[in-house]
């Protein structure tokens, strides 16, 4: 019995203690409520992309909510205009770029009614409808009209008036000649691009790229300096998960597009099209990402939207 007791003690002493469960961190992130973003994050939302240490809670917000959300610090990371950083350099909320966001290939267009103006120069003294004056699609348009077509596009004193217009009314206003032109992007552009009642006056994004040498960045994914200090490892893992979710989308488009189309009320053909006219980047910044962001900031400076901009590398998150 003594021998058995001794052996039992020895076995117990040599048996490794059960491993401590890995500590998990929950990150809350927010993206624009758009079918393309639902497709990008489908892998994370549907459990195809997971992490041993991080749980990700995703919110999709309307444009009117996501723009001011960047200043609330409610989320650990969120999609924001790239101009959020140079507009408040070195100040609160202390943004850092976690990932590039929407890189525009050719999804922004300046459209008119079929009997509307025939050239951009004719827009002098006219009104252009936009979904939001703060949108980067408007920045693209103003840059192209100013640099290529010689129009002063200052929002207060310019030769062209930009007016926020309900997107659902834009097609009718253009058709009836009650709006001179409109900046349309993504789904709105897709729906009108083949319309007999409307014409594309300028493919804005293609002109921007030709003039500047880089594609415009319409959004970036930001975190905050204090959150980066507190959750650096978790945010680094989020970068990996974002890249993996994008890779899952690219490898499984039929599965993802079918589900997103059904749930978001769009057709699969739109999702196929939209990923040919824009790129949703995901993951740590590449040299190309940095060059595109810097070019977008330079474009904003050239039309007076911002006075200066930091070096992209100085506001880049590093795990």
C-alpha atoms as a PDB file:
ATOM      1  CA  UNK A   1       0.000   0.000   0.000  1.00  0.00           C
ATOM      2  CA  UNK A   2       2.882   2.354   0.823  1.00  0.00           C
ATOM      3  CA  UNK A   3       4.475   1.598  -2.550  1.00  0.00           C
ATOM      4  CA  UNK A   4       1.175   2.302  -4.320  1.00  0.00           C
ATOM      5  CA  UNK A   5       0.813   5.614  -2.493  1.00  0.00           C
ATOM      6  CA  UNK A   6       4.344   6.624  -3.436  1.00  0.00           C
ATOM      7  CA  UNK A   7       3.740   5.734  -7.100  1.00  0.00           C
ATOM      8  CA  UNK A   8       0.506   7.716  -7.075  1.00  0.00           C
ATOM      9  CA  UNK A   9       2.318  10.778  -5.732  1.00  0.00           C
ATOM     10  CA  UNK A  10       5.074  10.440  -8.326  1.00  0.00           C
ATOM     11  CA  UNK A  11       2.601  10.134 -11.194  1.00  0.00           C
ATOM     12  CA  UNK A  12       0.692  13.157  -9.952  1.00  0.00           C
ATOM     13  CA  UNK A  13       3.890  15.163  -9.660  1.00  0.00           C
ATOM     14  CA  UNK A  14       4.924  14.297 -13.224  1.00  0.00           C
ATOM     15  CA  UNK A  15       1.544  15.024 -14.778  1.00  0.00           C
ATOM     16  CA  UNK A  16       1.498  18.511 -16.306  1.00  0.00           C
ATOM     17  CA  UNK A  17      -1.088  20.888 -14.955  1.00  0.00           C
ATOM     18  CA  UNK A  18      -3.983  21.566 -17.314  1.00  0.00           C
ATOM     19  CA  UNK A  19      -3.192  24.453 -19.656  1.00  0.00           C
ATOM     20  CA  UNK A  20      -4.730  27.785 -18.804  1.00  0.00           C
ATOM     21  CA  UNK A  21      -7.344  28.734 -21.398  1.00  0.00           C
ATOM     22  CA  UNK A  22      -6.069  31.475 -23.700  1.00  0.00           C
ATOM     23  CA  UNK A  23      -7.289  34.888 -22.636  1.00  0.00           C
ATOM     24  CA  UNK A  24      -9.693  36.252 -25.224  1.00  0.00           C
ATOM     25  CA  UNK A  25     -10.247  39.863 -26.212  1.00  0.00           C
ATOM     26  CA  UNK A  26     -13.436  41.166 -27.814  1.00  0.00           C
ATOM     27  CA  UNK A  27     -12.962  43.906 -30.383  1.00  0.00           C
ATOM     28  CA  UNK A  28     -15.865  45.975 -31.642  1.00  0.00           C
ATOM     29  CA  UNK A  29     -15.482  47.272 -35.188  1.00  0.00           C
ATOM     30  CA  UNK A  30     -17.735  49.280 -37.496  1.00  0.00           C
ATOM     31  CA  UNK A  31     -17.925  49.461 -41.285  1.00  0.00           C
ATOM     32  CA  UNK A  32     -20.234  51.320 -43.641  1.00  0.00           C
ATOM     33  CA  UNK A  33     -23.557  49.554 -44.155  1.00  0.00           C
ATOM     34  CA  UNK A  34     -22.974  48.670 -47.790  1.00  0.00           C
ATOM     35  CA  UNK A  35     -23.266  45.294 -49.584  1.00  0.00           C
ATOM     36  CA  UNK A  36     -19.566  45.393 -50.497  1.00  0.00           C
ATOM     37  CA  UNK A  37     -18.584  45.622 -46.820  1.00  0.00           C
ATOM     38  CA  UNK A  38     -20.941  42.800 -45.905  1.00  0.00           C
ATOM     39  CA  UNK A  39     -19.172  40.697 -48.541  1.00  0.00           C
ATOM     40  CA  UNK A  40     -15.711  41.698 -47.302  1.00  0.00           C
ATOM     41  CA  UNK A  41     -16.455  40.768 -43.694  1.00  0.00           C
ATOM     42  CA  UNK A  42     -18.631  37.748 -44.479  1.00  0.00           C
ATOM     43  CA  UNK A  43     -15.905  35.323 -43.431  1.00  0.00           C
ATOM     44  CA  UNK A  44     -15.612  36.896 -39.975  1.00  0.00           C
ATOM     45  CA  UNK A  45     -19.347  37.389 -39.431  1.00  0.00           C
ATOM     46  CA  UNK A  46     -20.138  33.811 -40.475  1.00  0.00           C
ATOM     47  CA  UNK A  47     -17.391  32.089 -38.519  1.00  0.00           C
ATOM     48  CA  UNK A  48     -15.211  31.107 -41.464  1.00  0.00           C
ATOM     49  CA  UNK A  49     -12.376  33.272 -40.136  1.00  0.00           C
ATOM     50  CA  UNK A  50     -11.681  32.868 -36.423  1.00  0.00           C
ATOM     51  CA  UNK A  51      -8.954  33.528 -33.894  1.00  0.00           C
ATOM     52  CA  UNK A  52      -7.690  31.676 -30.813  1.00  0.00           C
ATOM     53  CA  UNK A  53      -7.434  34.960 -28.926  1.00  0.00           C
ATOM     54  CA  UNK A  54      -9.822  37.514 -30.429  1.00  0.00           C
ATOM     55  CA  UNK A  55     -13.579  37.717 -30.883  1.00  0.00           C
ATOM     56  CA  UNK A  56     -14.783  40.350 -33.340  1.00  0.00           C
ATOM     57  CA  UNK A  57     -18.157  42.056 -33.052  1.00  0.00           C
ATOM     58  CA  UNK A  58     -19.061  43.789 -36.323  1.00  0.00           C
ATOM     59  CA  UNK A  59     -21.515  46.674 -36.706  1.00  0.00           C
ATOM     60  CA  UNK A  60     -22.597  48.061 -40.073  1.00  0.00           C
ATOM     61  CA  UNK A  61     -23.558  51.721 -39.815  1.00  0.00           C
ATOM     62  CA  UNK A  62     -25.332  54.108 -42.222  1.00  0.00           C
ATOM     63  CA  UNK A  63     -23.121  56.881 -43.591  1.00  0.00           C
ATOM     64  CA  UNK A  64     -24.797  59.476 -41.382  1.00  0.00           C
ATOM     65  CA  UNK A  65     -23.781  57.477 -38.285  1.00  0.00           C
ATOM     66  CA  UNK A  66     -20.352  56.202 -39.212  1.00  0.00           C
ATOM     67  CA  UNK A  67     -18.879  59.625 -40.055  1.00  0.00           C
ATOM     68  CA  UNK A  68     -19.367  61.070 -36.533  1.00  0.00           C
ATOM     69  CA  UNK A  69     -18.672  57.702 -34.862  1.00  0.00           C
ATOM     70  CA  UNK A  70     -14.943  58.114 -35.460  1.00  0.00           C
ATOM     71  CA  UNK A  71     -14.817  60.840 -32.815  1.00  0.00           C
ATOM     72  CA  UNK A  72     -16.641  58.863 -30.115  1.00  0.00           C
ATOM     73  CA  UNK A  73     -14.147  56.037 -29.518  1.00  0.00           C
ATOM     74  CA  UNK A  74     -17.123  53.701 -29.179  1.00  0.00           C
ATOM     75  CA  UNK A  75     -15.391  51.186 -31.443  1.00  0.00           C
ATOM     76  CA  UNK A  76     -11.919  49.683 -31.316  1.00  0.00           C
ATOM     77  CA  UNK A  77     -11.578  50.147 -35.066  1.00  0.00           C
ATOM     78  CA  UNK A  78     -13.854  51.569 -37.734  1.00  0.00           C
ATOM     79  CA  UNK A  79     -14.075  52.707 -41.329  1.00  0.00           C
ATOM     80  CA  UNK A  80     -13.475  56.435 -41.686  1.00  0.00           C
ATOM     81  CA  UNK A  81     -12.672  59.048 -44.288  1.00  0.00           C
ATOM     82  CA  UNK A  82      -8.921  59.236 -44.932  1.00  0.00           C
ATOM     83  CA  UNK A  83      -9.180  62.981 -44.272  1.00  0.00           C
ATOM     84  CA  UNK A  84      -9.968  62.306 -40.606  1.00  0.00           C
ATOM     85  CA  UNK A  85      -6.233  62.063 -39.901  1.00  0.00           C
ATOM     86  CA  UNK A  86      -4.887  65.257 -41.491  1.00  0.00           C
ATOM     87  CA  UNK A  87      -7.853  67.248 -40.231  1.00  0.00           C
ATOM     88  CA  UNK A  88      -6.731  66.613 -36.640  1.00  0.00           C
ATOM     89  CA  UNK A  89      -2.987  65.803 -36.750  1.00  0.00           C
ATOM     90  CA  UNK A  90      -1.464  65.010 -33.394  1.00  0.00           C
ATOM     91  CA  UNK A  91      -4.710  65.796 -31.581  1.00  0.00           C
ATOM     92  CA  UNK A  92      -7.457  63.750 -30.051  1.00  0.00           C
ATOM     93  CA  UNK A  93      -8.795  61.252 -30.893  1.00  0.00           C
ATOM     94  CA  UNK A  94      -5.300  60.320 -32.114  1.00  0.00           C
ATOM     95  CA  UNK A  95      -6.077  58.130 -35.124  1.00  0.00           C
ATOM     96  CA  UNK A  96      -3.799  55.403 -36.439  1.00  0.00           C
ATOM     97  CA  UNK A  97      -4.418  53.606 -39.734  1.00  0.00           C
ATOM     98  CA  UNK A  98      -4.998  49.905 -39.129  1.00  0.00           C
ATOM     99  CA  UNK A  99      -5.762  49.017 -42.751  1.00  0.00           C
ATOM    100  CA  UNK A 100      -6.485  50.617 -46.073  1.00  0.00           C
ATOM    101  CA  UNK A 101     -10.184  50.578 -46.863  1.00  0.00           C
ATOM    102  CA  UNK A 102     -12.011  51.360 -50.078  1.00  0.00           C
ATOM    103  CA  UNK A 103      -9.599  51.941 -52.955  1.00  0.00           C
ATOM    104  CA  UNK A 104     -11.523  53.262 -55.931  1.00  0.00           C
ATOM    105  CA  UNK A 105     -10.779  51.834 -59.378  1.00  0.00           C
ATOM    106  CA  UNK A 106     -13.588  53.368 -61.452  1.00  0.00           C
ATOM    107  CA  UNK A 107     -16.777  53.491 -59.374  1.00  0.00           C
ATOM    108  CA  UNK A 108     -17.363  57.262 -59.180  1.00  0.00           C
ATOM    109  CA  UNK A 109     -19.098  59.027 -62.030  1.00  0.00           C
ATOM    110  CA  UNK A 110     -20.407  62.501 -62.729  1.00  0.00           C
ATOM    111  CA  UNK A 111     -23.772  61.925 -64.383  1.00  0.00           C
ATOM    112  CA  UNK A 112     -26.300  64.164 -66.111  1.00  0.00           C
ATOM    113  CA  UNK A 113     -29.712  63.798 -67.710  1.00  0.00           C
ATOM    114  CA  UNK A 114     -29.725  62.720 -71.365  1.00  0.00           C
ATOM    115  CA  UNK A 115     -30.375  66.320 -72.466  1.00  0.00           C
ATOM    116  CA  UNK A 116     -28.086  67.877 -69.877  1.00  0.00           C
ATOM    117  CA  UNK A 117     -24.757  69.670 -70.267  1.00  0.00           C
ATOM    118  CA  UNK A 118     -22.413  68.255 -72.892  1.00  0.00           C
ATOM    119  CA  UNK A 119     -19.068  69.070 -71.253  1.00  0.00           C
ATOM    120  CA  UNK A 120     -17.732  69.633 -67.720  1.00  0.00           C
ATOM    121  CA  UNK A 121     -16.886  73.261 -68.607  1.00  0.00           C
ATOM    122  CA  UNK A 122     -20.623  73.926 -68.950  1.00  0.00           C
ATOM    123  CA  UNK A 123     -21.075  73.181 -65.245  1.00  0.00           C
ATOM    124  CA  UNK A 124     -19.923  76.689 -64.338  1.00  0.00           C
ATOM    125  CA  UNK A 125     -22.771  78.247 -62.376  1.00  0.00           C
ATOM    126  CA  UNK A 126     -24.582  74.898 -62.163  1.00  0.00           C
ATOM    127  CA  UNK A 127     -25.521  72.628 -59.251  1.00  0.00           C
ATOM    128  CA  UNK A 128     -24.132  69.147 -58.648  1.00  0.00           C
ATOM    129  CA  UNK A 129     -26.007  66.839 -56.306  1.00  0.00           C
ATOM    130  CA  UNK A 130     -24.057  64.711 -53.852  1.00  0.00           C
ATOM    131  CA  UNK A 131     -25.052  62.231 -51.158  1.00  0.00           C
ATOM    132  CA  UNK A 132     -22.744  63.883 -48.609  1.00  0.00           C
ATOM    133  CA  UNK A 133     -20.517  66.935 -48.886  1.00  0.00           C
ATOM    134  CA  UNK A 134     -17.949  65.200 -46.678  1.00  0.00           C
ATOM    135  CA  UNK A 135     -17.678  62.106 -48.850  1.00  0.00           C
ATOM    136  CA  UNK A 136     -14.386  61.340 -50.549  1.00  0.00           C
ATOM    137  CA  UNK A 137     -16.295  60.788 -53.801  1.00  0.00           C
ATOM    138  CA  UNK A 138     -16.921  64.545 -53.736  1.00  0.00           C
ATOM    139  CA  UNK A 139     -13.223  65.186 -53.161  1.00  0.00           C
ATOM    140  CA  UNK A 140     -12.439  63.117 -56.259  1.00  0.00           C
ATOM    141  CA  UNK A 141     -14.920  65.105 -58.324  1.00  0.00           C
ATOM    142  CA  UNK A 142     -13.785  68.514 -57.141  1.00  0.00           C
ATOM    143  CA  UNK A 143     -10.143  67.622 -57.807  1.00  0.00           C
ATOM    144  CA  UNK A 144     -10.894  66.463 -61.368  1.00  0.00           C
ATOM    145  CA  UNK A 145     -13.098  69.454 -62.216  1.00  0.00           C
ATOM    146  CA  UNK A 146     -10.491  71.874 -60.880  1.00  0.00           C
ATOM    147  CA  UNK A 147      -7.305  70.269 -62.222  1.00  0.00           C
ATOM    148  CA  UNK A 148      -8.587  68.967 -65.544  1.00  0.00           C
ATOM    149  CA  UNK A 149     -11.432  71.312 -66.411  1.00  0.00           C
ATOM    150  CA  UNK A 150     -10.379  74.602 -64.797  1.00  0.00           C
ATOM    151  CA  UNK A 151     -13.374  75.100 -62.518  1.00  0.00           C
ATOM    152  CA  UNK A 152     -13.089  76.616 -59.059  1.00  0.00           C
ATOM    153  CA  UNK A 153     -14.647  73.951 -56.843  1.00  0.00           C
ATOM    154  CA  UNK A 154     -14.314  75.595 -53.433  1.00  0.00           C
ATOM    155  CA  UNK A 155     -17.381  74.543 -51.438  1.00  0.00           C
ATOM    156  CA  UNK A 156     -18.109  78.123 -50.337  1.00  0.00           C
ATOM    157  CA  UNK A 157     -16.875  80.395 -53.118  1.00  0.00           C
ATOM    158  CA  UNK A 158     -16.517  78.118 -56.118  1.00  0.00           C
ATOM    159  CA  UNK A 159     -17.999  78.372 -59.593  1.00  0.00           C
ATOM    160  CA  UNK A 160     -19.925  75.129 -59.076  1.00  0.00           C
ATOM    161  CA  UNK A 161     -22.439  74.543 -56.290  1.00  0.00           C
ATOM    162  CA  UNK A 162     -22.426  71.169 -54.537  1.00  0.00           C
ATOM    163  CA  UNK A 163     -25.728  70.360 -52.863  1.00  0.00           C
ATOM    164  CA  UNK A 164     -26.602  67.404 -50.651  1.00  0.00           C
ATOM    165  CA  UNK A 165     -29.402  65.565 -52.414  1.00  0.00           C
ATOM    166  CA  UNK A 166     -31.365  62.499 -51.251  1.00  0.00           C
ATOM    167  CA  UNK A 167     -29.940  59.584 -53.297  1.00  0.00           C
ATOM    168  CA  UNK A 168     -33.404  58.181 -53.947  1.00  0.00           C
ATOM    169  CA  UNK A 169     -34.437  61.428 -55.675  1.00  0.00           C
ATOM    170  CA  UNK A 170     -31.325  61.952 -57.800  1.00  0.00           C
ATOM    171  CA  UNK A 171     -32.317  59.879 -60.841  1.00  0.00           C
ATOM    172  CA  UNK A 172     -35.664  61.651 -61.210  1.00  0.00           C
ATOM    173  CA  UNK A 173     -34.187  65.126 -60.682  1.00  0.00           C
ATOM    174  CA  UNK A 174     -31.553  64.500 -63.368  1.00  0.00           C
ATOM    175  CA  UNK A 175     -34.064  63.060 -65.807  1.00  0.00           C
ATOM    176  CA  UNK A 176     -36.433  66.000 -65.354  1.00  0.00           C
ATOM    177  CA  UNK A 177     -33.672  68.603 -65.636  1.00  0.00           C
ATOM    178  CA  UNK A 178     -34.185  69.837 -62.061  1.00  0.00           C
ATOM    179  CA  UNK A 179     -30.598  68.951 -61.153  1.00  0.00           C
ATOM    180  CA  UNK A 180     -27.710  69.771 -63.467  1.00  0.00           C
ATOM    181  CA  UNK A 181     -25.435  66.863 -62.538  1.00  0.00           C
ATOM    182  CA  UNK A 182     -24.805  64.378 -59.727  1.00  0.00           C
ATOM    183  CA  UNK A 183     -21.888  62.493 -58.257  1.00  0.00           C
ATOM    184  CA  UNK A 184     -22.849  58.826 -58.188  1.00  0.00           C
ATOM    185  CA  UNK A 185     -20.874  55.886 -56.879  1.00  0.00           C
ATOM    186  CA  UNK A 186     -21.210  52.152 -56.460  1.00  0.00           C
ATOM    187  CA  UNK A 187     -24.880  51.021 -56.370  1.00  0.00           C
ATOM    188  CA  UNK A 188     -26.268  54.385 -57.540  1.00  0.00           C
ATOM    189  CA  UNK A 189     -23.844  54.454 -60.489  1.00  0.00           C
ATOM    190  CA  UNK A 190     -24.548  50.796 -61.275  1.00  0.00           C
ATOM    191  CA  UNK A 191     -28.298  51.396 -61.493  1.00  0.00           C
ATOM    192  CA  UNK A 192     -28.043  54.409 -63.827  1.00  0.00           C
ATOM    193  CA  UNK A 193     -25.030  53.527 -65.971  1.00  0.00           C
ATOM    194  CA  UNK A 194     -27.156  51.936 -68.693  1.00  0.00           C
ATOM    195  CA  UNK A 195     -30.163  54.235 -68.386  1.00  0.00           C
ATOM    196  CA  UNK A 196     -31.552  55.813 -71.541  1.00  0.00           C
ATOM    197  CA  UNK A 197     -32.464  58.895 -69.484  1.00  0.00           C
ATOM    198  CA  UNK A 198     -28.963  59.551 -68.135  1.00  0.00           C
ATOM    199  CA  UNK A 199     -25.389  59.987 -69.383  1.00  0.00           C
ATOM    200  CA  UNK A 200     -21.975  59.657 -67.785  1.00  0.00           C
ATOM    201  CA  UNK A 201     -20.308  63.030 -68.246  1.00  0.00           C
ATOM    202  CA  UNK A 202     -17.006  62.075 -66.588  1.00  0.00           C
ATOM    203  CA  UNK A 203     -15.675  58.847 -65.128  1.00  0.00           C
ATOM    204  CA  UNK A 204     -14.279  60.717 -62.156  1.00  0.00           C
ATOM    205  CA  UNK A 205     -12.111  57.983 -60.676  1.00  0.00           C
ATOM    206  CA  UNK A 206     -10.348  57.161 -63.912  1.00  0.00           C
ATOM    207  CA  UNK A 207      -9.598  60.870 -64.454  1.00  0.00           C
ATOM    208  CA  UNK A 208      -8.345  61.223 -60.869  1.00  0.00           C
ATOM    209  CA  UNK A 209      -5.989  58.273 -61.303  1.00  0.00           C
ATOM    210  CA  UNK A 210      -4.648  59.609 -64.594  1.00  0.00           C
ATOM    211  CA  UNK A 211      -4.033  63.067 -63.122  1.00  0.00           C
ATOM    212  CA  UNK A 212      -2.541  62.022 -59.786  1.00  0.00           C
ATOM    213  CA  UNK A 213      -0.765  58.793 -60.666  1.00  0.00           C
ATOM    214  CA  UNK A 214      -2.566  56.745 -58.005  1.00  0.00           C
ATOM    215  CA  UNK A 215      -6.039  55.454 -57.314  1.00  0.00           C
ATOM    216  CA  UNK A 216      -7.988  57.490 -54.748  1.00  0.00           C
ATOM    217  CA  UNK A 217      -8.614  56.092 -51.293  1.00  0.00           C
ATOM    218  CA  UNK A 218     -12.206  56.648 -50.211  1.00  0.00           C
ATOM    219  CA  UNK A 219     -11.883  55.153 -46.740  1.00  0.00           C
ATOM    220  CA  UNK A 220      -9.388  53.757 -44.262  1.00  0.00           C
ATOM    221  CA  UNK A 221      -9.786  51.582 -41.183  1.00  0.00           C
ATOM    222  CA  UNK A 222      -8.617  53.462 -38.118  1.00  0.00           C
ATOM    223  CA  UNK A 223      -7.955  52.734 -34.486  1.00  0.00           C
ATOM    224  CA  UNK A 224      -6.723  55.099 -31.772  1.00  0.00           C
ATOM    225  CA  UNK A 225      -3.342  55.593 -30.148  1.00  0.00           C
ATOM    226  CA  UNK A 226      -4.621  54.786 -26.661  1.00  0.00           C
ATOM    227  CA  UNK A 227      -6.466  51.680 -27.843  1.00  0.00           C
ATOM    228  CA  UNK A 228      -3.355  50.610 -29.754  1.00  0.00           C
ATOM    229  CA  UNK A 229      -1.360  50.787 -26.522  1.00  0.00           C
ATOM    230  CA  UNK A 230      -3.951  48.841 -24.561  1.00  0.00           C
ATOM    231  CA  UNK A 231      -4.887  46.228 -27.205  1.00  0.00           C
ATOM    232  CA  UNK A 232      -1.889  46.067 -29.520  1.00  0.00           C
ATOM    233  CA  UNK A 233      -1.737  42.270 -29.832  1.00  0.00           C
ATOM    234  CA  UNK A 234      -5.480  41.967 -30.376  1.00  0.00           C
ATOM    235  CA  UNK A 235      -5.490  44.688 -33.041  1.00  0.00           C
ATOM    236  CA  UNK A 236      -2.591  42.968 -34.790  1.00  0.00           C
ATOM    237  CA  UNK A 237      -4.668  39.803 -34.812  1.00  0.00           C
ATOM    238  CA  UNK A 238      -7.578  41.809 -36.232  1.00  0.00           C
ATOM    239  CA  UNK A 239      -5.359  42.866 -39.144  1.00  0.00           C
ATOM    240  CA  UNK A 240      -4.727  39.195 -39.889  1.00  0.00           C
ATOM    241  CA  UNK A 241      -8.418  38.365 -39.647  1.00  0.00           C
ATOM    242  CA  UNK A 242      -9.398  41.195 -42.008  1.00  0.00           C
ATOM    243  CA  UNK A 243      -6.892  39.973 -44.582  1.00  0.00           C
ATOM    244  CA  UNK A 244      -8.145  36.399 -44.140  1.00  0.00           C
ATOM    245  CA  UNK A 245     -11.768  37.490 -44.557  1.00  0.00           C
ATOM    246  CA  UNK A 246     -10.877  39.217 -47.816  1.00  0.00           C
ATOM    247  CA  UNK A 247      -9.011  36.103 -48.974  1.00  0.00           C
ATOM    248  CA  UNK A 248     -12.067  33.980 -48.133  1.00  0.00           C
ATOM    249  CA  UNK A 249     -14.253  36.292 -50.213  1.00  0.00           C
ATOM    250  CA  UNK A 250     -11.909  36.156 -53.200  1.00  0.00           C
ATOM    251  CA  UNK A 251     -11.823  32.336 -53.057  1.00  0.00           C
ATOM    252  CA  UNK A 252     -15.572  31.864 -52.466  1.00  0.00           C
ATOM    253  CA  UNK A 253     -17.334  34.643 -54.366  1.00  0.00           C
ATOM    254  CA  UNK A 254     -20.301  32.535 -55.450  1.00  0.00           C
ATOM    255  CA  UNK A 255     -21.118  31.496 -51.878  1.00  0.00           C
ATOM    256  CA  UNK A 256     -20.627  34.944 -50.401  1.00  0.00           C
ATOM    257  CA  UNK A 257     -22.357  36.912 -53.164  1.00  0.00           C
ATOM    258  CA  UNK A 258     -25.412  34.656 -53.114  1.00  0.00           C
ATOM    259  CA  UNK A 259     -25.904  35.091 -49.379  1.00  0.00           C
ATOM    260  CA  UNK A 260     -25.215  38.843 -49.336  1.00  0.00           C
ATOM    261  CA  UNK A 261     -27.470  39.452 -52.342  1.00  0.00           C
ATOM    262  CA  UNK A 262     -30.385  37.664 -50.664  1.00  0.00           C
ATOM    263  CA  UNK A 263     -29.962  39.406 -47.332  1.00  0.00           C
ATOM    264  CA  UNK A 264     -29.199  42.900 -48.670  1.00  0.00           C
ATOM    265  CA  UNK A 265     -31.753  43.004 -51.481  1.00  0.00           C
ATOM    266  CA  UNK A 266     -29.285  43.442 -54.356  1.00  0.00           C
ATOM    267  CA  UNK A 267     -28.571  41.192 -57.293  1.00  0.00           C
ATOM    268  CA  UNK A 268     -25.469  39.053 -57.544  1.00  0.00           C
ATOM    269  CA  UNK A 269     -24.532  40.784 -60.799  1.00  0.00           C
ATOM    270  CA  UNK A 270     -24.095  44.039 -58.873  1.00  0.00           C
ATOM    271  CA  UNK A 271     -21.679  42.406 -56.440  1.00  0.00           C
ATOM    272  CA  UNK A 272     -19.731  40.905 -59.327  1.00  0.00           C
ATOM    273  CA  UNK A 273     -19.556  44.353 -60.943  1.00  0.00           C
ATOM    274  CA  UNK A 274     -18.706  46.319 -57.820  1.00  0.00           C
ATOM    275  CA  UNK A 275     -15.612  44.257 -57.139  1.00  0.00           C
ATOM    276  CA  UNK A 276     -14.312  45.133 -60.598  1.00  0.00           C
ATOM    277  CA  UNK A 277     -14.665  48.895 -60.008  1.00  0.00           C
ATOM    278  CA  UNK A 278     -13.387  49.077 -56.445  1.00  0.00           C
ATOM    279  CA  UNK A 279     -10.952  47.247 -54.228  1.00  0.00           C
ATOM    280  CA  UNK A 280     -11.588  46.739 -50.535  1.00  0.00           C
ATOM    281  CA  UNK A 281      -8.136  46.398 -49.059  1.00  0.00           C
ATOM    282  CA  UNK A 282      -7.668  44.583 -45.767  1.00  0.00           C
ATOM    283  CA  UNK A 283      -4.691  44.005 -43.525  1.00  0.00           C
ATOM    284  CA  UNK A 284      -1.397  45.793 -42.763  1.00  0.00           C
ATOM    285  CA  UNK A 285      -0.530  48.703 -45.059  1.00  0.00           C
ATOM    286  CA  UNK A 286       1.615  47.961 -48.087  1.00  0.00           C
ATOM    287  CA  UNK A 287       3.863  50.466 -49.856  1.00  0.00           C
ATOM    288  CA  UNK A 288       1.140  50.842 -52.498  1.00  0.00           C
ATOM    289  CA  UNK A 289      -1.468  51.535 -49.805  1.00  0.00           C
ATOM    290  CA  UNK A 290       0.732  54.251 -48.315  1.00  0.00           C
ATOM    291  CA  UNK A 291       1.298  55.881 -51.701  1.00  0.00           C
ATOM    292  CA  UNK A 292      -2.437  55.888 -52.465  1.00  0.00           C
ATOM    293  CA  UNK A 293      -3.319  57.447 -49.109  1.00  0.00           C
ATOM    294  CA  UNK A 294      -0.601  60.098 -49.475  1.00  0.00           C
ATOM    295  CA  UNK A 295      -1.850  60.954 -52.970  1.00  0.00           C
ATOM    296  CA  UNK A 296      -5.407  61.362 -51.702  1.00  0.00           C
ATOM    297  CA  UNK A 297      -4.151  63.752 -49.030  1.00  0.00           C
ATOM    298  CA  UNK A 298      -2.160  65.712 -51.610  1.00  0.00           C
ATOM    299  CA  UNK A 299      -5.278  66.025 -53.753  1.00  0.00           C
ATOM    300  CA  UNK A 300      -7.194  67.379 -50.761  1.00  0.00           C
ATOM    301  CA  UNK A 301      -4.421  69.904 -50.090  1.00  0.00           C
ATOM    302  CA  UNK A 302      -4.395  71.049 -53.704  1.00  0.00           C
ATOM    303  CA  UNK A 303      -8.069  72.069 -53.570  1.00  0.00           C
ATOM    304  CA  UNK A 304      -7.868  73.592 -50.095  1.00  0.00           C
ATOM    305  CA  UNK A 305      -9.668  70.904 -48.102  1.00  0.00           C
ATOM    306  CA  UNK A 306      -6.736  70.454 -45.712  1.00  0.00           C
ATOM    307  CA  UNK A 307      -3.694  72.588 -44.971  1.00  0.00           C
ATOM    308  CA  UNK A 308      -1.159  69.835 -44.309  1.00  0.00           C
ATOM    309  CA  UNK A 309      -0.880  66.092 -43.843  1.00  0.00           C
ATOM    310  CA  UNK A 310       1.373  63.824 -41.793  1.00  0.00           C
ATOM    311  CA  UNK A 311       3.685  61.220 -43.276  1.00  0.00           C
ATOM    312  CA  UNK A 312       1.591  58.082 -43.639  1.00  0.00           C
ATOM    313  CA  UNK A 313       4.218  55.993 -41.862  1.00  0.00           C
ATOM    314  CA  UNK A 314       3.883  58.219 -38.777  1.00  0.00           C
ATOM    315  CA  UNK A 315       0.180  57.409 -38.391  1.00  0.00           C
ATOM    316  CA  UNK A 316       0.337  53.718 -39.254  1.00  0.00           C
ATOM    317  CA  UNK A 317      -0.548  51.108 -36.629  1.00  0.00           C
ATOM    318  CA  UNK A 318       2.152  48.521 -35.992  1.00  0.00           C
ATOM    319  CA  UNK A 319       1.493  45.440 -33.852  1.00  0.00           C
END
